[in-house]
Amino acid sequence: MAYMDQKQKAVIAAELKRVMPQGWKYSLSVENHTAIVCTIAAAPVDLIEIANTLNRETAARLGDEPYKVNGYFDVNLFSLDRYDATAAGETFRAIDKALRSANWYDRSDSQQDYFDTAYHTRLRVGRWNKPFSHNA
């Protein structure tokens, strides 16, 4: 069963501090004792514009209307390859690795609907009540 505490958070915070680029402002929190959440509040890279560009490209490929990101979004850590060609790709991968650094394991079997992980990880850009800030 997933479990996260302040002791594990401290290990992750040290690793995250090592990999976070200069000028990126972020916070780290524990959510419901099961997840570690990294929220990027500001960066010299316009992450909102990157997300909107990727959404427009995907929508054009599918012949659909693009979804517009307005100030905040959650990064899907299971499809980080989507960001590889962008300025955020390498950083997102480093953040994901740092978030999984505190004794992380995954013995899940989705075929049997059995999920057993050390803890869950989330990466957010901005918040609903405090949008992401591009500090160029």
N, C-alpha and C. Protein backbone atom coordinates (compact mmCIF):
# COMPACT_ATOMS: atom_id res chain seq x y z
N MET A 1 0.83 -1.18 0.00
CA MET A 1 0.00 0.00 0.00
C MET A 1 0.88 1.24 0.00
N ALA A 2 0.51 2.22 -0.79
CA ALA A 2 1.28 3.44 -0.92
C ALA A 2 1.30 4.21 0.39
N TYR A 3 2.51 4.70 0.75
CA TYR A 3 2.65 5.49 1.97
C TYR A 3 3.79 6.48 1.80
N MET A 4 3.54 7.73 2.18
CA MET A 4 4.55 8.78 2.12
C MET A 4 4.54 9.53 3.44
N ASP A 5 5.73 9.79 3.98
CA ASP A 5 5.84 10.55 5.22
C ASP A 5 6.90 11.64 5.07
N GLN A 6 7.08 12.43 6.10
CA GLN A 6 8.01 13.56 6.06
C GLN A 6 9.46 13.11 5.94
N LYS A 7 9.78 11.94 6.48
CA LYS A 7 11.15 11.40 6.39
C LYS A 7 11.52 11.10 4.93
N GLN A 8 10.60 10.45 4.22
CA GLN A 8 10.82 10.18 2.80
C GLN A 8 10.83 11.48 1.99
N LYS A 9 9.99 12.42 2.38
CA LYS A 9 9.93 13.70 1.70
C LYS A 9 11.28 14.41 1.79
N ALA A 10 11.95 14.32 2.94
CA ALA A 10 13.25 14.97 3.12
C ALA A 10 14.29 14.38 2.17
N VAL A 11 14.26 13.06 1.98
CA VAL A 11 15.18 12.41 1.04
C VAL A 11 14.92 12.91 -0.38
N ILE A 12 13.65 12.98 -0.75
CA ILE A 12 13.28 13.43 -2.09
C ILE A 12 13.62 14.91 -2.27
N ALA A 13 13.42 15.73 -1.24
CA ALA A 13 13.71 17.16 -1.32
C ALA A 13 15.19 17.40 -1.59
N ALA A 14 16.05 16.62 -0.96
CA ALA A 14 17.49 16.77 -1.18
C ALA A 14 17.86 16.41 -2.62
N GLU A 15 17.28 15.35 -3.13
CA GLU A 15 17.55 14.94 -4.51
C GLU A 15 16.98 15.94 -5.50
N LEU A 16 15.79 16.44 -5.22
CA LEU A 16 15.14 17.40 -6.11
C LEU A 16 15.92 18.72 -6.16
N LYS A 17 16.45 19.13 -5.04
CA LYS A 17 17.25 20.35 -4.98
C LYS A 17 18.48 20.23 -5.87
N ARG A 18 19.03 19.03 -5.96
CA ARG A 18 20.22 18.77 -6.75
C ARG A 18 19.94 18.86 -8.26
N VAL A 19 18.75 18.44 -8.69
CA VAL A 19 18.45 18.37 -10.12
C VAL A 19 17.63 19.54 -10.66
N MET A 20 17.05 20.34 -9.79
CA MET A 20 16.19 21.45 -10.25
C MET A 20 17.06 22.56 -10.85
N PRO A 21 16.74 23.01 -12.06
CA PRO A 21 17.53 24.06 -12.70
C PRO A 21 17.46 25.40 -11.96
N GLN A 22 18.47 26.21 -12.20
CA GLN A 22 18.54 27.55 -11.61
C GLN A 22 17.36 28.38 -12.09
N GLY A 23 16.73 29.10 -11.19
CA GLY A 23 15.63 29.99 -11.54
C GLY A 23 14.25 29.34 -11.50
N TRP A 24 14.17 28.03 -11.25
CA TRP A 24 12.88 27.36 -11.15
C TRP A 24 12.43 27.41 -9.70
N LYS A 25 11.22 27.90 -9.46
CA LYS A 25 10.66 27.94 -8.10
C LYS A 25 9.64 26.82 -7.99
N TYR A 26 9.73 26.07 -6.91
CA TYR A 26 8.86 24.91 -6.75
C TYR A 26 8.57 24.67 -5.28
N SER A 27 7.59 23.84 -5.02
CA SER A 27 7.29 23.40 -3.66
C SER A 27 7.10 21.89 -3.69
N LEU A 28 7.29 21.28 -2.55
CA LEU A 28 7.14 19.84 -2.41
C LEU A 28 6.20 19.58 -1.25
N SER A 29 5.21 18.72 -1.47
CA SER A 29 4.24 18.45 -0.41
C SER A 29 3.84 16.98 -0.42
N VAL A 30 3.33 16.54 0.73
CA VAL A 30 2.79 15.20 0.87
C VAL A 30 1.28 15.31 0.79
N GLU A 31 0.67 14.48 -0.05
CA GLU A 31 -0.78 14.53 -0.24
C GLU A 31 -1.42 13.24 0.27
N ASN A 32 -2.28 13.34 1.25
CA ASN A 32 -3.04 12.21 1.81
C ASN A 32 -2.17 11.05 2.28
N HIS A 33 -0.96 11.32 2.70
CA HIS A 33 -0.01 10.30 3.17
C HIS A 33 0.28 9.21 2.14
N THR A 34 -0.07 9.45 0.87
CA THR A 34 0.16 8.43 -0.15
C THR A 34 0.95 8.95 -1.34
N ALA A 35 1.09 10.27 -1.48
CA ALA A 35 1.72 10.81 -2.67
C ALA A 35 2.65 11.97 -2.34
N ILE A 36 3.69 12.10 -3.15
CA ILE A 36 4.58 13.25 -3.08
C ILE A 36 4.25 14.12 -4.29
N VAL A 37 4.06 15.41 -4.07
CA VAL A 37 3.65 16.32 -5.13
C VAL A 37 4.67 17.44 -5.27
N CYS A 38 5.22 17.59 -6.47
CA CYS A 38 6.11 18.69 -6.79
C CYS A 38 5.31 19.68 -7.64
N THR A 39 5.21 20.92 -7.17
CA THR A 39 4.48 21.95 -7.89
C THR A 39 5.46 23.02 -8.34
N ILE A 40 5.56 23.23 -9.64
CA ILE A 40 6.45 24.25 -10.19
C ILE A 40 5.66 25.55 -10.26
N ALA A 41 6.11 26.56 -9.53
CA ALA A 41 5.39 27.83 -9.45
C ALA A 41 5.87 28.83 -10.49
N ALA A 42 7.18 28.82 -10.79
CA ALA A 42 7.74 29.77 -11.74
C ALA A 42 9.01 29.18 -12.36
N ALA A 43 9.28 29.59 -13.59
CA ALA A 43 10.46 29.12 -14.30
C ALA A 43 10.79 30.07 -15.44
N PRO A 44 12.05 30.09 -15.87
CA PRO A 44 12.41 30.92 -17.02
C PRO A 44 11.91 30.34 -18.35
N VAL A 45 11.40 29.11 -18.31
CA VAL A 45 10.83 28.46 -19.49
C VAL A 45 9.31 28.57 -19.39
N ASP A 46 8.66 28.95 -20.49
CA ASP A 46 7.19 29.09 -20.47
C ASP A 46 6.53 27.73 -20.63
N LEU A 47 6.30 27.05 -19.52
CA LEU A 47 5.75 25.69 -19.54
C LEU A 47 4.29 25.67 -20.01
N ILE A 48 3.57 26.74 -19.77
CA ILE A 48 2.17 26.81 -20.23
C ILE A 48 2.14 26.85 -21.76
N GLU A 49 3.01 27.65 -22.35
CA GLU A 49 3.06 27.73 -23.82
C GLU A 49 3.51 26.41 -24.42
N ILE A 50 4.44 25.72 -23.78
CA ILE A 50 4.87 24.40 -24.26
C ILE A 50 3.68 23.44 -24.26
N ALA A 51 2.92 23.42 -23.17
CA ALA A 51 1.75 22.54 -23.09
C ALA A 51 0.72 22.89 -24.14
N ASN A 52 0.47 24.17 -24.35
CA ASN A 52 -0.51 24.59 -25.36
C ASN A 52 -0.05 24.23 -26.77
N THR A 53 1.24 24.38 -27.05
CA THR A 53 1.78 24.00 -28.36
C THR A 53 1.62 22.51 -28.60
N LEU A 54 1.96 21.70 -27.61
CA LEU A 54 1.80 20.25 -27.74
C LEU A 54 0.34 19.86 -27.92
N ASN A 55 -0.55 20.53 -27.20
CA ASN A 55 -1.99 20.25 -27.34
C ASN A 55 -2.49 20.62 -28.74
N ARG A 56 -2.01 21.75 -29.29
CA ARG A 56 -2.41 22.13 -30.64
C ARG A 56 -1.91 21.12 -31.67
N GLU A 57 -0.66 20.66 -31.52
CA GLU A 57 -0.11 19.67 -32.45
C GLU A 57 -0.89 18.36 -32.39
N THR A 58 -1.21 17.92 -31.19
CA THR A 58 -1.98 16.68 -31.03
C THR A 58 -3.37 16.82 -31.63
N ALA A 59 -4.02 17.95 -31.37
CA ALA A 59 -5.37 18.18 -31.89
C ALA A 59 -5.36 18.24 -33.41
N ALA A 60 -4.34 18.87 -33.99
CA ALA A 60 -4.26 18.95 -35.46
C ALA A 60 -4.06 17.56 -36.06
N ARG A 61 -3.26 16.74 -35.40
CA ARG A 61 -3.03 15.38 -35.89
C ARG A 61 -4.30 14.54 -35.82
N LEU A 62 -5.11 14.77 -34.79
CA LEU A 62 -6.34 14.00 -34.60
C LEU A 62 -7.56 14.64 -35.27
N GLY A 63 -7.38 15.86 -35.80
CA GLY A 63 -8.51 16.56 -36.41
C GLY A 63 -9.53 17.00 -35.38
N ASP A 64 -9.05 17.48 -34.24
CA ASP A 64 -9.92 17.85 -33.14
C ASP A 64 -9.60 19.28 -32.70
N GLU A 65 -10.40 19.80 -31.78
CA GLU A 65 -10.15 21.12 -31.21
C GLU A 65 -9.10 20.99 -30.10
N PRO A 66 -8.12 21.89 -30.04
CA PRO A 66 -7.10 21.79 -28.99
C PRO A 66 -7.63 22.21 -27.62
N TYR A 67 -7.11 21.58 -26.59
CA TYR A 67 -7.42 21.96 -25.22
C TYR A 67 -6.45 23.06 -24.82
N LYS A 68 -6.95 24.18 -24.31
CA LYS A 68 -6.10 25.31 -23.93
C LYS A 68 -5.83 25.27 -22.43
N VAL A 69 -4.56 25.28 -22.09
CA VAL A 69 -4.13 25.32 -20.69
C VAL A 69 -4.12 26.77 -20.24
N ASN A 70 -4.78 27.06 -19.12
CA ASN A 70 -4.86 28.42 -18.59
C ASN A 70 -4.24 28.51 -17.21
N GLY A 71 -2.94 28.60 -17.12
CA GLY A 71 -2.29 28.88 -15.85
C GLY A 71 -1.81 27.71 -15.04
N TYR A 72 -2.39 26.52 -15.20
CA TYR A 72 -1.94 25.37 -14.43
C TYR A 72 -2.33 24.07 -15.13
N PHE A 73 -1.52 23.02 -14.89
CA PHE A 73 -1.85 21.70 -15.41
C PHE A 73 -1.01 20.65 -14.68
N ASP A 74 -1.46 19.42 -14.74
CA ASP A 74 -0.71 18.29 -14.20
C ASP A 74 0.06 17.64 -15.33
N VAL A 75 1.32 17.34 -15.09
CA VAL A 75 2.15 16.67 -16.09
C VAL A 75 1.91 15.17 -15.96
N ASN A 76 1.60 14.51 -17.07
CA ASN A 76 1.41 13.07 -17.07
C ASN A 76 2.79 12.40 -17.05
N LEU A 77 3.18 11.87 -15.91
CA LEU A 77 4.51 11.28 -15.76
C LEU A 77 4.66 9.96 -16.51
N PHE A 78 3.56 9.42 -17.01
CA PHE A 78 3.63 8.18 -17.78
C PHE A 78 3.83 8.44 -19.27
N SER A 79 3.76 9.69 -19.69
CA SER A 79 4.01 10.03 -21.09
C SER A 79 4.95 11.23 -21.19
N LEU A 80 6.07 11.14 -20.50
CA LEU A 80 7.06 12.22 -20.54
C LEU A 80 7.73 12.34 -21.90
N ASP A 81 7.69 11.29 -22.71
CA ASP A 81 8.29 11.35 -24.03
C ASP A 81 7.66 12.44 -24.90
N ARG A 82 6.47 12.85 -24.55
CA ARG A 82 5.78 13.93 -25.27
C ARG A 82 6.54 15.25 -25.16
N TYR A 83 7.31 15.43 -24.08
CA TYR A 83 8.04 16.67 -23.84
C TYR A 83 9.50 16.60 -24.28
N ASP A 84 9.95 15.46 -24.83
CA ASP A 84 11.36 15.28 -25.16
C ASP A 84 11.93 16.34 -26.09
N ALA A 85 11.18 16.78 -27.07
CA ALA A 85 11.68 17.76 -28.04
C ALA A 85 11.52 19.20 -27.56
N THR A 86 11.08 19.39 -26.32
CA THR A 86 10.86 20.75 -25.79
C THR A 86 11.96 21.12 -24.81
N ALA A 87 11.93 22.38 -24.39
CA ALA A 87 12.92 22.87 -23.43
C ALA A 87 12.72 22.26 -22.04
N ALA A 88 11.58 21.66 -21.78
CA ALA A 88 11.28 21.10 -20.46
C ALA A 88 11.51 19.60 -20.38
N GLY A 89 11.74 18.94 -21.48
CA GLY A 89 11.82 17.48 -21.51
C GLY A 89 12.84 16.87 -20.57
N GLU A 90 14.08 17.34 -20.67
CA GLU A 90 15.15 16.79 -19.83
C GLU A 90 14.90 17.10 -18.35
N THR A 91 14.40 18.28 -18.06
CA THR A 91 14.12 18.68 -16.68
C THR A 91 13.00 17.84 -16.09
N PHE A 92 11.93 17.63 -16.85
CA PHE A 92 10.82 16.81 -16.35
C PHE A 92 11.29 15.39 -16.05
N ARG A 93 12.15 14.83 -16.88
CA ARG A 93 12.68 13.47 -16.62
C ARG A 93 13.52 13.44 -15.35
N ALA A 94 14.34 14.48 -15.14
CA ALA A 94 15.17 14.55 -13.94
C ALA A 94 14.30 14.70 -12.69
N ILE A 95 13.24 15.49 -12.78
CA ILE A 95 12.32 15.67 -11.65
C ILE A 95 11.63 14.35 -11.34
N ASP A 96 11.16 13.65 -12.37
CA ASP A 96 10.50 12.36 -12.17
C ASP A 96 11.43 11.37 -11.48
N LYS A 97 12.67 11.33 -11.91
CA LYS A 97 13.65 10.42 -11.29
C LYS A 97 13.88 10.79 -9.83
N ALA A 98 13.97 12.09 -9.54
CA ALA A 98 14.17 12.55 -8.17
C ALA A 98 12.95 12.22 -7.29
N LEU A 99 11.75 12.36 -7.84
CA LEU A 99 10.54 12.05 -7.08
C LEU A 99 10.47 10.57 -6.71
N ARG A 100 11.08 9.73 -7.51
CA ARG A 100 11.05 8.28 -7.26
C ARG A 100 12.28 7.79 -6.51
N SER A 101 13.06 8.69 -5.94
CA SER A 101 14.35 8.32 -5.35
C SER A 101 14.28 7.75 -3.93
N ALA A 102 13.19 7.87 -3.23
CA ALA A 102 13.11 7.43 -1.83
C ALA A 102 12.54 6.01 -1.73
N ASN A 103 13.38 5.02 -1.99
CA ASN A 103 12.98 3.63 -1.83
C ASN A 103 11.72 3.31 -2.63
N TRP A 104 11.72 3.68 -3.89
CA TRP A 104 10.53 3.51 -4.73
C TRP A 104 10.50 2.12 -5.34
N TYR A 105 9.39 1.47 -5.25
CA TYR A 105 9.20 0.18 -5.92
C TYR A 105 7.80 0.13 -6.51
N ASP A 106 7.60 -0.76 -7.45
CA ASP A 106 6.30 -0.91 -8.08
C ASP A 106 6.09 -2.39 -8.39
N ARG A 107 5.20 -3.00 -7.64
CA ARG A 107 4.86 -4.41 -7.84
C ARG A 107 3.41 -4.54 -8.32
N SER A 108 3.01 -3.59 -9.12
CA SER A 108 1.62 -3.56 -9.60
C SER A 108 1.42 -4.56 -10.73
N ASP A 109 0.19 -5.04 -10.85
CA ASP A 109 -0.21 -5.90 -11.96
C ASP A 109 -1.57 -5.43 -12.42
N SER A 110 -1.58 -4.58 -13.44
CA SER A 110 -2.84 -4.00 -13.90
C SER A 110 -3.75 -5.04 -14.53
N GLN A 111 -3.20 -6.16 -14.98
CA GLN A 111 -4.03 -7.23 -15.54
C GLN A 111 -4.98 -7.80 -14.49
N GLN A 112 -4.51 -7.81 -13.25
CA GLN A 112 -5.33 -8.36 -12.16
C GLN A 112 -5.91 -7.27 -11.27
N ASP A 113 -5.77 -6.00 -11.69
CA ASP A 113 -6.27 -4.88 -10.91
C ASP A 113 -5.64 -4.86 -9.52
N TYR A 114 -4.33 -5.11 -9.47
CA TYR A 114 -3.58 -5.12 -8.21
C TYR A 114 -2.51 -4.05 -8.31
N PHE A 115 -2.55 -3.08 -7.40
CA PHE A 115 -1.61 -1.98 -7.44
C PHE A 115 -0.87 -1.89 -6.11
N ASP A 116 0.44 -2.04 -6.16
CA ASP A 116 1.29 -2.02 -4.98
C ASP A 116 2.52 -1.19 -5.29
N THR A 117 2.51 0.07 -4.87
CA THR A 117 3.66 0.94 -5.05
C THR A 117 4.07 1.52 -3.71
N ALA A 118 5.32 1.97 -3.62
CA ALA A 118 5.80 2.57 -2.38
C ALA A 118 5.03 3.85 -2.08
N TYR A 119 4.86 4.66 -3.09
CA TYR A 119 4.08 5.91 -2.98
C TYR A 119 3.80 6.40 -4.39
N HIS A 120 2.88 7.33 -4.50
CA HIS A 120 2.52 7.90 -5.80
C HIS A 120 3.28 9.20 -6.00
N THR A 121 3.52 9.56 -7.25
CA THR A 121 4.22 10.81 -7.57
C THR A 121 3.35 11.67 -8.47
N ARG A 122 3.43 12.97 -8.26
CA ARG A 122 2.69 13.92 -9.09
C ARG A 122 3.57 15.12 -9.38
N LEU A 123 3.47 15.63 -10.58
CA LEU A 123 4.18 16.85 -10.98
C LEU A 123 3.14 17.83 -11.53
N ARG A 124 3.08 18.99 -10.91
CA ARG A 124 2.11 20.01 -11.30
C ARG A 124 2.84 21.27 -11.72
N VAL A 125 2.25 21.97 -12.66
CA VAL A 125 2.76 23.27 -13.08
C VAL A 125 1.69 24.28 -12.70
N GLY A 126 1.99 25.13 -11.73
CA GLY A 126 1.02 26.10 -11.24
C GLY A 126 -0.05 25.42 -10.38
N ARG A 127 -0.93 26.26 -9.84
CA ARG A 127 -2.06 25.78 -9.04
C ARG A 127 -3.32 26.47 -9.53
N TRP A 128 -4.45 25.91 -9.17
CA TRP A 128 -5.73 26.50 -9.61
C TRP A 128 -5.91 27.91 -9.05
N ASN A 129 -5.37 28.17 -7.85
CA ASN A 129 -5.54 29.49 -7.24
C ASN A 129 -4.30 30.37 -7.35
N LYS A 130 -3.21 29.83 -7.90
CA LYS A 130 -2.00 30.61 -8.12
C LYS A 130 -1.32 30.11 -9.38
N PRO A 131 -1.63 30.72 -10.54
CA PRO A 131 -1.13 30.23 -11.82
C PRO A 131 0.39 30.26 -11.93
N PHE A 132 0.89 29.45 -12.84
CA PHE A 132 2.32 29.40 -13.15
C PHE A 132 2.78 30.76 -13.63
N SER A 133 4.00 31.14 -13.24
CA SER A 133 4.56 32.42 -13.64
C SER A 133 5.82 32.21 -14.47
N HIS A 134 5.82 32.75 -15.67
CA HIS A 134 6.98 32.67 -16.55
C HIS A 134 7.86 33.87 -16.25
N ASN A 135 9.01 33.62 -15.64
CA ASN A 135 9.93 34.72 -15.27
C ASN A 135 11.12 34.75 -16.20
N ALA A 136 10.93 35.30 -17.37
CA ALA A 136 11.97 35.33 -18.41
C ALA A 136 13.10 36.26 -18.06
